[in-house]
C-alpha atoms as a PDB file:
ATOM      1  CA  MET A   1      -6.230  -1.899 -16.590  1.00  0.00           C
ATOM      2  CA  ASN A   2      -4.032  -3.167 -13.919  1.00  0.00           C
ATOM      3  CA  ILE A   3      -1.489  -1.088 -12.569  1.00  0.00           C
ATOM      4  CA  PHE A   4       1.218  -2.832 -10.574  1.00  0.00           C
ATOM      5  CA  SER A   5       4.450  -2.220  -8.991  1.00  0.00           C
ATOM      6  CA  GLN A   6       7.281  -4.188 -10.549  1.00  0.00           C
ATOM      7  CA  LEU A   7       9.017  -4.854  -7.160  1.00  0.00           C
ATOM      8  CA  TYR A   8       5.593  -6.107  -5.851  1.00  0.00           C
ATOM      9  CA  LEU A   9       5.324  -8.564  -8.964  1.00  0.00           C
ATOM     10  CA  TYR A  10       8.954  -9.565  -8.569  1.00  0.00           C
ATOM     11  CA  TYR A  11       8.197 -10.628  -4.975  1.00  0.00           C
ATOM     12  CA  PHE A  12       5.191 -12.484  -6.142  1.00  0.00           C
ATOM     13  CA  LEU A  13       6.941 -14.426  -8.810  1.00  0.00           C
ATOM     14  CA  ILE A  14       9.504 -15.337  -6.271  1.00  0.00           C
ATOM     15  CA  SER A  15       7.067 -16.599  -3.830  1.00  0.00           C
ATOM     16  CA  GLN A  16       5.412 -18.781  -6.561  1.00  0.00           C
ATOM     17  CA  ARG A  17       8.933 -20.299  -7.588  1.00  0.00           C
ATOM     18  CA  ALA A  18       8.561 -23.807  -6.240  1.00  0.00           C
ATOM     19  CA  LYS A  19       5.324 -24.139  -7.984  1.00  0.00           C
ATOM     20  CA  ILE A  20       6.457 -22.685 -11.255  1.00  0.00           C
ATOM     21  CA  LEU A  21       9.554 -25.133 -11.233  1.00  0.00           C
ATOM     22  CA  SER A  22       7.513 -27.913 -10.475  1.00  0.00           C
ATOM     23  CA  ASP A  23       5.212 -27.423 -13.211  1.00  0.00           C
ATOM     24  CA  SER A  24       8.311 -26.763 -15.526  1.00  0.00           C
ATOM     25  CA  TYR A  25       9.266 -29.556 -18.011  1.00  0.00           C
ATOM     26  CA  GLY A  26      12.565 -30.525 -19.282  1.00  0.00           C
ATOM     27  CA  GLY A  27      15.645 -32.435 -18.374  1.00  0.00           C
ATOM     28  CA  ALA A  28      18.860 -30.619 -17.439  1.00  0.00           C
ATOM     29  CA  GLN A  29      17.392 -27.218 -18.474  1.00  0.00           C
ATOM     30  CA  LYS A  30      13.709 -26.774 -17.078  1.00  0.00           C
ATOM     31  CA  HIS A  31      11.203 -24.884 -19.114  1.00  0.00           C
ATOM     32  CA  ILE A  32       8.090 -23.189 -19.071  1.00  0.00           C
ATOM     33  CA  SER A  33       5.827 -22.254 -21.927  1.00  0.00           C
ATOM     34  CA  GLN A  34       4.656 -18.689 -22.829  1.00  0.00           C
ATOM     35  CA  GLY A  35       1.146 -19.744 -22.082  1.00  0.00           C
ATOM     36  CA  TYR A  36       1.934 -20.920 -18.642  1.00  0.00           C
ATOM     37  CA  VAL A  37       3.629 -17.549 -17.889  1.00  0.00           C
ATOM     38  CA  LYS A  38       0.582 -15.610 -19.488  1.00  0.00           C
ATOM     39  CA  ASN A  39      -1.774 -17.630 -17.374  1.00  0.00           C
ATOM     40  CA  ILE A  40      -0.310 -16.740 -13.995  1.00  0.00           C
ATOM     41  CA  VAL A  41      -2.449 -14.707 -11.823  1.00  0.00           C
ATOM     42  CA  ALA A  42      -1.217 -12.419  -9.366  1.00  0.00           C
ATOM     43  CA  PRO A  43      -3.254 -10.922  -6.780  1.00  0.00           C
ATOM     44  CA  LEU A  44      -3.517  -6.962  -7.384  1.00  0.00           C
ATOM     45  CA  PRO A  45      -4.379  -4.925  -4.504  1.00  0.00           C
ATOM     46  CA  PRO A  46      -4.240  -1.207  -4.708  1.00  0.00           C
ATOM     47  CA  LEU A  47      -0.928   0.316  -5.884  1.00  0.00           C
ATOM     48  CA  ASP A  48      -0.344   1.884  -2.584  1.00  0.00           C
ATOM     49  CA  LYS A  49      -0.689  -1.381  -0.720  1.00  0.00           C
ATOM     50  CA  GLN A  50       1.500  -3.272  -3.219  1.00  0.00           C
ATOM     51  CA  LYS A  51       4.347  -0.667  -2.860  1.00  0.00           C
ATOM     52  CA  HIS A  52       3.937  -1.089   1.071  1.00  0.00           C
ATOM     53  CA  ILE A  53       4.276  -5.191   0.767  1.00  0.00           C
ATOM     54  CA  ALA A  54       7.344  -4.753  -1.805  1.00  0.00           C
ATOM     55  CA  PHE A  55       8.929  -2.258   0.792  1.00  0.00           C
ATOM     56  CA  VAL A  56       8.381  -4.451   3.690  1.00  0.00           C
ATOM     57  CA  LEU A  57       9.790  -7.590   1.811  1.00  0.00           C
ATOM     58  CA  ASP A  58      12.635  -5.636   0.601  1.00  0.00           C
ATOM     59  CA  LYS A  59      13.516  -4.446   4.132  1.00  0.00           C
ATOM     60  CA  CYS A  60      13.259  -7.919   5.166  1.00  0.00           C
ATOM     61  CA  ASN A  61      15.498  -9.238   2.601  1.00  0.00           C
ATOM     62  CA  LYS A  62      18.263  -6.434   3.221  1.00  0.00           C
ATOM     63  CA  LEU A  63      18.058  -7.756   6.852  1.00  0.00           C
ATOM     64  CA  ILE A  64      18.393 -11.434   6.090  1.00  0.00           C
ATOM     65  CA  ALA A  65      21.300 -10.465   3.979  1.00  0.00           C
ATOM     66  CA  LYS A  66      22.917  -8.708   6.804  1.00  0.00           C
ATOM     67  CA  TYR A  67      22.072 -11.624   9.162  1.00  0.00           C
ATOM     68  CA  LYS A  68      24.022 -14.013   6.695  1.00  0.00           C
ATOM     69  CA  THR A  69      26.807 -11.690   6.454  1.00  0.00           C
ATOM     70  CA  PHE A  70      27.213 -11.522  10.176  1.00  0.00           C
ATOM     71  CA  VAL A  71      26.839 -15.207  10.608  1.00  0.00           C
ATOM     72  CA  LEU A  72      29.684 -15.725   8.138  1.00  0.00           C
ATOM     73  CA  ARG A  73      31.840 -13.285   9.612  1.00  0.00           C
ATOM     74  CA  ILE A  74      31.730 -15.084  13.114  1.00  0.00           C
ATOM     75  CA  GLY A  75      32.568 -18.281  11.383  1.00  0.00           C
ATOM     76  CA  GLY A  76      28.978 -19.726  10.762  1.00  0.00           C
ATOM     77  CA  ASN A  77      27.901 -21.678   7.650  1.00  0.00           C
ATOM     78  CA  ASP A  78      25.854 -19.958   5.084  1.00  0.00           C
ATOM     79  CA  ALA A  79      23.954 -23.330   4.218  1.00  0.00           C
ATOM     80  CA  ASP A  80      22.749 -23.373   7.622  1.00  0.00           C
ATOM     81  CA  TYR A  81      20.751 -20.231   7.110  1.00  0.00           C
ATOM     82  CA  SER A  82      19.597 -20.765   3.512  1.00  0.00           C
ATOM     83  CA  ARG A  83      16.137 -20.152   2.709  1.00  0.00           C
END
């Protein structure tokens, strides 16, 4: 049985977003099949490592959000700092 952190899995899937989108099909609204989703393989380190990785990534995302807010407040353009 594989035990995983939901937040870790979230960040893993976000990291795979570009590949998933490139593998999707359809016109205006892209689709991926249930089979495609079932075949996604996520590396599963021990649960404590997963939680640590997710914690660090979460902290980084919060800092990025604060930085973007700061840049916008001083008159910057959010598009200049997008991912």
